[in-house]
Protein backbone atom coordinates (compact mmCIF):
# COMPACT_ATOMS: atom_id res chain seq x y z
CA MET A 1 21.42 -39.15 61.73
CA ASN A 2 18.79 -40.38 59.29
CA LYS A 3 15.63 -38.46 58.50
CA PRO A 4 12.38 -40.17 59.46
CA ARG A 5 10.87 -41.89 56.46
CA THR A 6 7.88 -40.22 54.85
CA PHE A 7 4.69 -42.22 54.37
CA VAL A 8 1.29 -41.32 53.02
CA ARG A 9 -1.42 -40.88 55.66
CA PRO A 10 -3.89 -43.77 56.07
CA LEU A 11 -6.18 -43.96 53.02
CA THR A 12 -9.96 -44.05 53.19
CA ALA A 13 -11.78 -46.76 51.23
CA ALA A 14 -12.91 -44.15 48.66
CA GLU A 15 -9.35 -42.84 48.24
CA ARG A 16 -7.94 -46.34 47.82
CA LYS A 17 -10.61 -47.08 45.17
CA ALA A 18 -9.80 -43.83 43.33
CA LEU A 19 -6.07 -44.63 43.43
CA GLU A 20 -6.68 -48.15 42.08
CA LYS A 21 -8.71 -46.59 39.26
CA GLY A 22 -5.92 -44.02 38.72
CA ARG A 23 -3.42 -46.83 38.09
CA LYS A 24 -5.40 -47.64 34.92
CA SER A 25 -5.65 -44.05 33.70
CA ALA A 26 -4.56 -42.98 30.23
CA ASP A 27 -2.65 -40.09 31.82
CA ALA A 28 0.90 -41.11 32.79
CA PHE A 29 1.10 -38.51 35.58
CA THR A 30 -2.03 -39.94 37.23
CA VAL A 31 -0.75 -43.51 36.87
CA ARG A 32 2.62 -42.65 38.45
CA ARG A 33 1.10 -40.69 41.34
CA SER A 34 -1.40 -43.47 42.03
CA GLN A 35 1.36 -46.09 42.04
CA ILE A 36 3.47 -43.97 44.41
CA LEU A 37 0.67 -43.36 46.87
CA LEU A 38 -0.52 -46.97 46.91
CA ALA A 39 3.02 -48.26 47.42
CA SER A 40 3.59 -45.80 50.26
CA ALA A 41 0.29 -46.82 51.85
CA GLY A 42 1.55 -50.41 51.64
CA GLY A 43 4.47 -49.50 53.92
CA MET A 44 7.26 -48.89 51.41
CA GLY A 45 9.66 -45.99 52.08
CA PRO A 46 10.36 -43.25 49.51
CA ALA A 47 13.63 -44.75 48.21
CA GLU A 48 12.06 -48.20 47.77
CA VAL A 49 8.96 -46.75 46.09
CA GLY A 50 11.20 -44.73 43.78
CA ARG A 51 13.12 -47.82 42.72
CA VAL A 52 9.92 -49.78 42.04
CA VAL A 53 8.07 -46.97 40.24
CA GLY A 54 11.10 -45.57 38.44
CA CYS A 55 11.52 -42.13 39.98
CA THR A 56 13.57 -40.41 42.66
CA ALA A 57 12.88 -40.62 46.37
CA GLN A 58 12.35 -36.84 46.31
CA ALA A 59 9.61 -37.23 43.67
CA VAL A 60 7.95 -39.77 45.98
CA ARG A 61 8.15 -37.36 48.94
CA ASP A 62 6.74 -34.58 46.74
CA ALA A 63 3.80 -36.79 45.73
CA ILE A 64 3.10 -37.70 49.37
CA ARG A 65 3.18 -34.02 50.38
CA ALA A 66 0.90 -33.11 47.48
CA PHE A 67 -1.56 -35.79 48.55
CA GLY A 68 -1.47 -34.47 52.11
CA ALA A 69 -2.24 -30.95 50.85
CA ASP A 70 -4.64 -31.61 47.93
CA GLY A 71 -5.98 -35.11 48.51
CA LEU A 72 -7.00 -36.80 45.27
CA GLY A 73 -6.57 -33.46 43.48
CA CYS A 74 -2.84 -34.25 43.37
CA LEU A 75 -3.52 -36.91 40.72
CA THR A 76 -3.94 -34.22 38.07
CA ALA A 77 -0.85 -32.38 36.84
CA LYS A 78 -0.91 -28.67 37.59
CA SER A 79 0.01 -26.01 35.07
CA HIS A 80 3.57 -24.72 35.20
CA ALA A 81 2.56 -21.44 33.55
CA ARG A 82 3.18 -18.25 35.44
CA ARG A 83 0.16 -16.97 37.29
CA ASP A 84 1.08 -13.34 36.71
CA PRO A 85 2.50 -12.99 33.18
CA GLY A 86 1.85 -9.24 33.10
CA ARG A 87 4.43 -8.66 35.83
CA VAL A 88 7.42 -9.19 33.53
CA TRP A 89 6.67 -6.36 31.09
CA ASP A 90 4.65 -3.36 32.23
CA ARG A 91 2.07 -2.85 29.48
CA GLY A 92 2.03 0.83 30.32
CA ARG A 93 5.46 0.93 28.65
CA ASP A 94 4.26 -0.47 25.30
CA ALA A 95 4.37 2.92 23.56
CA ASP A 96 7.84 3.55 25.00
CA LEU A 97 9.04 0.22 23.61
CA LYS A 98 7.74 1.02 20.13
CA ASP A 99 9.33 4.46 20.31
CA LEU A 100 12.62 2.93 21.43
CA LEU A 101 12.79 0.78 18.30
CA HIS A 102 12.36 3.84 16.07
CA ARG A 103 15.51 5.35 17.53
CA ARG A 104 19.16 4.38 17.18
CA PRO A 105 20.86 2.36 19.91
CA ARG A 106 23.71 4.88 19.85
CA GLU A 107 21.29 7.47 21.31
CA PHE A 108 21.28 5.30 24.43
CA GLY A 109 25.07 5.00 24.66
CA GLN A 110 25.29 1.66 22.87
CA PRO A 111 28.31 0.86 20.66
CA THR A 112 26.22 -0.39 17.73
CA SER A 113 23.66 1.02 15.33
CA LEU A 114 21.61 -2.18 15.09
CA TRP A 115 19.08 -3.34 17.65
CA THR A 116 19.14 -6.89 18.91
CA LEU A 117 16.52 -8.32 21.24
CA ALA A 118 19.12 -8.62 24.00
CA LEU A 119 20.16 -5.00 23.47
CA VAL A 120 16.53 -3.85 23.69
CA ALA A 121 16.20 -5.76 26.97
CA GLU A 122 19.41 -4.17 28.28
CA VAL A 123 18.31 -0.63 27.40
CA CYS A 124 14.83 -1.17 28.88
CA HIS A 125 16.41 -2.33 32.12
CA ALA A 126 18.92 0.54 32.15
CA LYS A 127 16.07 3.04 31.70
CA GLY A 128 14.28 1.49 34.68
CA TRP A 129 11.37 0.16 32.63
CA THR A 130 11.90 -3.39 33.90
CA PRO A 131 12.85 -4.50 37.43
CA ARG A 132 15.38 -7.00 36.04
CA LEU A 133 17.11 -7.76 32.77
CA LEU A 134 14.56 -9.59 30.61
CA SER A 135 15.40 -12.38 28.20
CA ALA A 136 15.44 -11.79 24.46
CA GLU A 137 12.49 -14.17 24.19
CA THR A 138 10.41 -12.05 26.59
CA ILE A 139 11.13 -8.96 24.49
CA ARG A 140 10.25 -10.87 21.30
CA GLN A 141 6.94 -11.99 22.81
CA SER A 142 6.15 -8.45 23.96
CA LEU A 143 6.80 -7.15 20.45
CA LYS A 144 4.69 -9.93 18.96
CA ARG A 145 1.82 -9.02 21.29
CA LEU A 146 2.12 -5.43 20.04
CA GLY A 147 1.87 -6.64 16.45
CA VAL A 148 5.50 -5.82 15.74
CA GLY A 149 7.40 -8.54 13.96
CA TRP A 150 11.07 -8.46 14.92
CA LYS A 151 12.17 -8.43 11.27
CA ARG A 152 9.97 -5.40 10.73
CA ALA A 153 11.42 -3.69 13.78
CA LYS A 154 14.96 -4.12 12.48
CA HIS A 155 14.01 -2.34 9.25
CA TRP A 156 13.01 0.76 11.19
CA ILE A 157 16.68 1.42 11.87
CA THR A 158 18.24 4.22 9.89
CA SER A 159 21.85 5.12 9.29
CA PRO A 160 23.52 8.34 10.41
CA ASP A 161 24.94 8.56 6.86
CA PRO A 162 23.38 11.62 5.17
CA GLU A 163 23.29 9.67 1.88
CA TYR A 164 21.48 6.71 3.48
CA ALA A 165 18.03 7.38 2.00
CA LYS A 166 19.45 7.76 -1.52
CA LYS A 167 21.59 4.61 -1.19
CA LYS A 168 18.63 2.66 0.15
CA ARG A 169 16.48 3.67 -2.82
CA LEU A 170 19.25 2.64 -5.21
CA GLY A 171 19.71 -0.64 -3.38
CA THR A 172 23.41 -0.08 -2.75
CA GLY A 173 23.22 0.59 0.99
């Protein structure tokens, strides 16, 4: 059984004029959306419009739905940025994160003495500081926001070797 074909609703004269103007826009997104909507208003189905315009039938259906919901507002590309960036890392844990980097990973049951961004993310998740395992990039951005360069953070690490400080001063460690 075939799905019923999706068409744009009947256009008003003002909408048709705006779409004709949109076809001449400098913005490629606006041009493509205008072409899709005008072709659909002309009676072409999503697959046919997609072939003519150079996109998928699903992209055509998405444009038609966007026009139904936002009207001419759908001719402008929306931001893909998260609306709630603070949700990923709880800023109330900033001091805990800095403190974590001043300690050895072995204190948290890790098999290494060097922090990696992925290891920091794993320990933060294991301690319940994050609801899910964060990416290394998210941890890096959190550290950057705190003014902590990752290279600097790695230098905070110390060795359990009692001679470490002396070796470090001599440059042999």
